[in-house]
Protein backbone atom coordinates (compact mmCIF):
# COMPACT_ATOMS: atom_id res chain seq x y z
CA MET A 1 10.11 -36.59 2.73
CA SER A 2 12.49 -37.42 5.53
CA LEU A 3 14.11 -34.92 7.81
CA VAL A 4 17.00 -34.88 5.87
CA ALA A 5 15.33 -34.23 2.64
CA HIS A 6 13.29 -31.59 4.17
CA LEU A 7 16.31 -29.98 5.31
CA GLN A 8 18.16 -30.16 1.86
CA GLU A 9 14.96 -28.23 0.32
CA LEU A 10 15.19 -25.50 3.04
CA ARG A 11 18.95 -25.02 2.31
CA ARG A 12 18.34 -25.00 -1.50
CA ARG A 13 15.32 -22.62 -0.98
CA LEU A 14 17.28 -20.29 1.58
CA PHE A 15 20.35 -20.22 -0.82
CA THR A 16 18.05 -19.11 -3.85
CA SER A 17 16.45 -16.50 -1.65
CA VAL A 18 20.11 -15.06 -0.39
CA ILE A 19 21.48 -14.99 -3.85
CA ALA A 20 18.16 -13.23 -5.17
CA VAL A 21 18.84 -10.53 -2.23
CA VAL A 22 22.39 -10.38 -2.87
CA VAL A 23 21.59 -9.61 -6.55
CA GLY A 24 19.10 -7.33 -5.76
CA ALA A 25 21.62 -5.58 -3.26
CA ILE A 26 24.31 -5.10 -5.82
CA LEU A 27 21.92 -3.49 -8.80
CA CYS A 28 20.76 -1.19 -5.93
CA TRP A 29 24.42 -0.48 -4.94
CA PHE A 30 24.41 1.63 -8.21
CA ILE A 31 22.25 4.00 -7.07
CA HIS A 32 22.68 3.79 -3.23
CA LYS A 33 22.94 7.46 -2.75
CA GLN A 34 19.58 8.32 -4.39
CA LEU A 35 17.83 5.67 -2.65
CA PHE A 36 19.30 6.98 0.38
CA ALA A 37 18.10 10.63 -0.04
CA ILE A 38 14.40 9.16 -0.95
CA LEU A 39 14.31 7.15 1.99
CA THR A 40 15.33 9.97 4.10
CA LEU A 41 13.06 12.65 2.54
CA PRO A 42 10.52 12.70 5.18
CA VAL A 43 13.18 13.81 8.08
CA THR A 44 15.19 16.05 5.92
CA SER A 45 12.36 17.70 4.37
CA LEU A 46 11.12 18.85 8.25
CA LEU A 47 14.76 19.80 9.12
CA PRO A 48 15.94 23.61 8.92
CA GLU A 49 17.77 24.28 5.56
CA ASP A 50 20.90 25.39 8.03
CA ALA A 51 20.78 21.53 9.53
CA ASN A 52 19.08 19.44 6.86
CA GLN A 53 22.48 17.21 6.50
CA LEU A 54 22.67 14.12 8.87
CA ALA A 55 25.46 13.44 10.86
CA PHE A 56 28.06 10.23 11.11
CA LEU A 57 30.25 9.31 14.13
CA SER A 58 32.76 7.00 12.84
CA LEU A 59 34.91 6.75 9.58
CA THR A 60 33.33 3.39 8.46
CA GLU A 61 29.80 4.55 9.28
CA PRO A 62 28.93 5.91 5.60
CA PHE A 63 30.01 3.03 4.08
CA ILE A 64 28.29 0.48 6.12
CA LEU A 65 25.07 2.72 5.96
CA TYR A 66 25.08 2.38 2.04
CA MET A 67 25.38 -1.43 2.45
CA LYS A 68 22.42 -1.47 4.84
CA VAL A 69 20.43 0.56 2.20
CA SER A 70 21.50 -1.41 -0.64
CA LEU A 71 20.49 -4.72 1.27
CA VAL A 72 17.40 -3.46 2.39
CA ALA A 73 16.23 -2.22 -1.33
CA GLY A 74 17.43 -5.55 -2.64
CA LEU A 75 15.48 -7.39 -0.17
CA PHE A 76 12.41 -5.44 -1.39
CA LEU A 77 13.37 -5.86 -4.86
CA ALA A 78 13.89 -9.61 -4.55
CA SER A 79 10.75 -10.19 -2.28
CA PRO A 80 8.79 -11.84 -5.17
CA VAL A 81 11.78 -14.43 -5.52
CA VAL A 82 11.77 -14.72 -1.58
CA ILE A 83 8.20 -15.25 -1.14
CA THR A 84 8.01 -17.73 -4.08
CA GLN A 85 10.73 -19.82 -2.59
CA ALA A 86 9.03 -19.77 0.84
CA TRP A 87 5.97 -21.21 -0.95
CA MET A 88 7.57 -23.80 -2.79
CA PHE A 89 9.10 -24.82 0.72
CA VAL A 90 5.86 -25.37 2.18
CA ALA A 91 3.91 -26.56 -1.15
CA PRO A 92 5.07 -30.29 -1.01
CA GLY A 93 3.12 -30.59 2.43
CA LEU A 94 0.01 -29.26 1.07
CA TYR A 95 -3.12 -31.15 -0.56
CA LYS A 96 -3.18 -30.89 -4.64
CA ARG A 97 -6.01 -28.78 -4.38
CA GLU A 98 -4.39 -26.45 -2.22
CA ARG A 99 -1.15 -26.30 -4.32
CA ARG A 100 -3.60 -24.67 -6.75
CA SER A 101 -3.57 -21.43 -4.86
CA ALA A 102 -0.01 -21.03 -5.15
CA LEU A 103 0.03 -18.02 -7.96
CA PRO A 104 -2.74 -16.04 -6.16
CA VAL A 105 -1.22 -16.45 -2.64
CA ILE A 106 2.59 -15.66 -4.10
CA PHE A 107 0.85 -12.47 -5.96
CA PHE A 108 -1.09 -11.28 -2.94
CA SER A 109 1.58 -11.96 -0.89
CA VAL A 110 4.04 -9.67 -2.30
CA VAL A 111 1.22 -7.01 -2.98
CA PHE A 112 0.56 -7.10 0.97
CA PHE A 113 4.33 -6.97 1.67
CA LEU A 114 4.99 -4.01 -0.52
CA THR A 115 1.75 -2.16 0.35
CA GLY A 116 2.76 -2.46 4.19
CA ALA A 117 6.09 -0.87 3.12
CA ALA A 118 4.51 1.72 1.36
CA PHE A 119 2.44 2.56 4.24
CA GLY A 120 5.12 2.62 6.72
CA TYR A 121 6.99 4.99 4.21
CA PHE A 122 4.72 7.35 2.80
CA ILE A 123 2.02 7.59 5.66
CA LEU A 124 3.53 6.41 9.50
CA PHE A 125 7.35 7.34 9.06
CA PRO A 126 6.54 10.95 8.02
CA ILE A 127 4.22 11.22 11.25
CA MET A 128 6.39 9.99 13.65
CA ALA A 129 9.59 11.89 12.45
CA LYS A 130 7.63 15.24 12.66
CA PHE A 131 6.23 14.15 16.10
CA PHE A 132 9.82 13.70 17.49
CA LEU A 133 11.32 16.56 15.48
CA THR A 134 8.60 18.81 16.64
CA LEU A 135 9.24 17.63 20.34
CA GLY A 136 12.72 18.39 20.22
CA ALA A 137 12.43 21.63 18.12
CA GLU A 138 14.08 23.71 20.94
CA PHE A 139 17.13 21.73 20.87
CA ARG A 140 19.86 21.40 17.90
CA GLN A 141 18.84 18.77 15.82
CA VAL A 142 22.02 16.47 14.77
CA LEU A 143 20.42 13.41 13.74
CA THR A 144 23.31 10.55 12.77
CA VAL A 145 22.75 8.29 9.77
CA ASN A 146 22.54 5.06 11.29
CA ASN A 147 20.12 5.78 14.37
CA MET A 148 17.84 7.54 11.56
CA PHE A 149 18.20 4.49 9.05
CA SER A 150 17.39 1.91 12.11
CA PHE A 151 14.28 3.68 12.86
CA LEU A 152 13.17 3.72 9.50
CA LEU A 153 14.32 -0.02 8.81
CA ARG A 154 12.12 -1.04 11.74
CA THR A 155 9.12 0.80 10.52
CA LEU A 156 9.00 -0.71 6.84
CA LEU A 157 9.56 -4.02 7.79
CA GLY A 158 7.33 -3.98 10.91
CA CYS A 159 4.44 -2.43 8.55
CA ALA A 160 5.76 -4.75 5.64
CA LEU A 161 5.34 -8.03 8.11
CA VAL A 162 2.15 -6.80 9.59
CA PHE A 163 0.42 -6.56 6.23
CA GLU A 164 0.91 -10.18 5.74
CA TRP A 165 -1.79 -11.16 8.03
CA PRO A 166 -4.40 -12.07 5.70
CA ILE A 167 -1.76 -14.51 3.94
CA VAL A 168 -1.00 -16.00 7.53
CA VAL A 169 -5.06 -16.45 8.02
CA PHE A 170 -5.27 -18.13 4.57
CA PHE A 171 -3.11 -20.96 5.80
CA LEU A 172 -4.27 -21.24 9.17
CA ALA A 173 -8.11 -21.47 8.05
CA ARG A 174 -7.09 -23.84 5.36
CA LEU A 175 -5.51 -25.93 7.74
CA GLY A 176 -8.26 -25.76 9.97
CA ILE A 177 -6.36 -24.20 12.80
CA LEU A 178 -8.48 -20.91 12.57
CA THR A 179 -11.98 -20.28 11.74
CA ALA A 180 -14.09 -17.06 10.76
CA GLY A 181 -16.45 -17.82 14.15
CA ALA A 182 -13.42 -18.33 16.34
CA MET A 183 -11.79 -14.64 15.06
CA LEU A 184 -15.21 -12.92 15.64
CA HIS A 185 -15.60 -14.30 18.93
CA GLY A 186 -11.93 -12.97 19.93
CA PHE A 187 -12.56 -10.02 17.98
CA ARG A 188 -11.95 -7.73 21.64
CA TYR A 189 -8.90 -9.28 22.45
CA ALA A 190 -7.70 -8.97 18.96
CA ILE A 191 -8.01 -5.27 19.31
CA LEU A 192 -5.98 -5.08 22.22
CA GLY A 193 -3.30 -7.22 20.49
CA ILE A 194 -3.29 -5.10 17.44
CA PHE A 195 -2.90 -1.79 19.53
CA ALA A 196 -0.03 -3.81 21.23
CA ILE A 197 1.34 -4.65 18.12
CA ALA A 198 1.08 -0.83 16.79
CA ALA A 199 2.83 0.12 20.16
CA VAL A 200 5.85 -2.03 19.24
CA VAL A 201 6.01 -1.04 15.64
CA THR A 202 5.59 2.67 16.44
CA PRO A 203 7.63 3.78 19.09
CA THR A 204 5.68 6.94 19.77
CA PRO A 205 3.98 7.65 23.36
CA ASP A 206 1.01 9.02 21.51
CA MET A 207 -2.04 6.99 21.00
CA ALA A 208 -2.71 9.33 17.74
CA THR A 209 0.34 7.45 15.80
CA GLN A 210 -0.55 3.97 17.11
CA THR A 211 -3.77 4.51 15.98
CA ILE A 212 -2.85 5.35 12.43
CA LEU A 213 -1.40 2.01 12.29
CA ALA A 214 -3.74 0.07 14.23
CA ILE A 215 -6.73 1.19 11.89
CA PRO A 216 -5.68 -0.53 8.63
CA MET A 217 -4.53 -3.67 11.13
CA LEU A 218 -8.21 -3.93 12.22
CA LEU A 219 -9.06 -3.82 8.55
CA LEU A 220 -6.77 -6.30 7.79
CA TYR A 221 -8.19 -8.59 10.60
CA LEU A 222 -11.71 -7.95 9.53
CA LEU A 223 -10.30 -9.18 5.85
CA GLY A 224 -8.79 -12.07 7.58
CA ILE A 225 -12.61 -13.23 8.79
CA GLY A 226 -13.60 -13.20 5.38
CA ILE A 227 -10.94 -15.20 4.37
CA ALA A 228 -11.28 -17.50 6.98
CA TRP A 229 -15.05 -17.90 6.38
CA VAL A 230 -14.20 -18.58 2.64
CA VAL A 231 -11.52 -20.91 2.70
CA GLN A 232 -11.99 -22.90 5.97
CA PRO A 233 -12.90 -26.67 5.74
CA ARG A 234 -16.91 -27.61 5.85
CA GLY A 235 -17.73 -31.12 6.30
């Protein structure tokens, strides 16, 4: 394919992905209040009964917030379509035997993406919320909806993307760029990199919270070694 053809293909895939996310966001808009209540439950459940309502600072902030909630929920709802479109964009540059892996790659990409988001919501975010609320327990707790949701969004998307590591390893190993031996040799450096990424995704100063994210990342790295060993070219 020529450069122009690649750009046209990219535009088509992006357009389809955007339409899927918009449709998902429209569907989620009808339950945006319920979605927001579920997303903020790890925080509101920790607040005192007389202060369990979040605050907003501008007249338009609730509307913008619910738009963000609907878009984020729409993104996760449309993630199978988005990931499929991404695969279909790169598929023409792969060999025929590699294109046969389409369905497993798409399936596990969606599974890892949603699993990462679930890990962020059910495990990591509640721990961070409890840490910060406990730290400021002596102050009056007035949380704004925008700042709280931005913090949650960063956690969910960060974990979802981090959990895509095995899929990245699959492609790099398939192309011969990364090998299981290289990953084993660089394991000590990978540990440092993993804790650095965990520190970015979890903006808390305590090592305990960072370790909670670093442990599954280390397991994913070891899984990546196994994937690389299976799919790397041999010749």
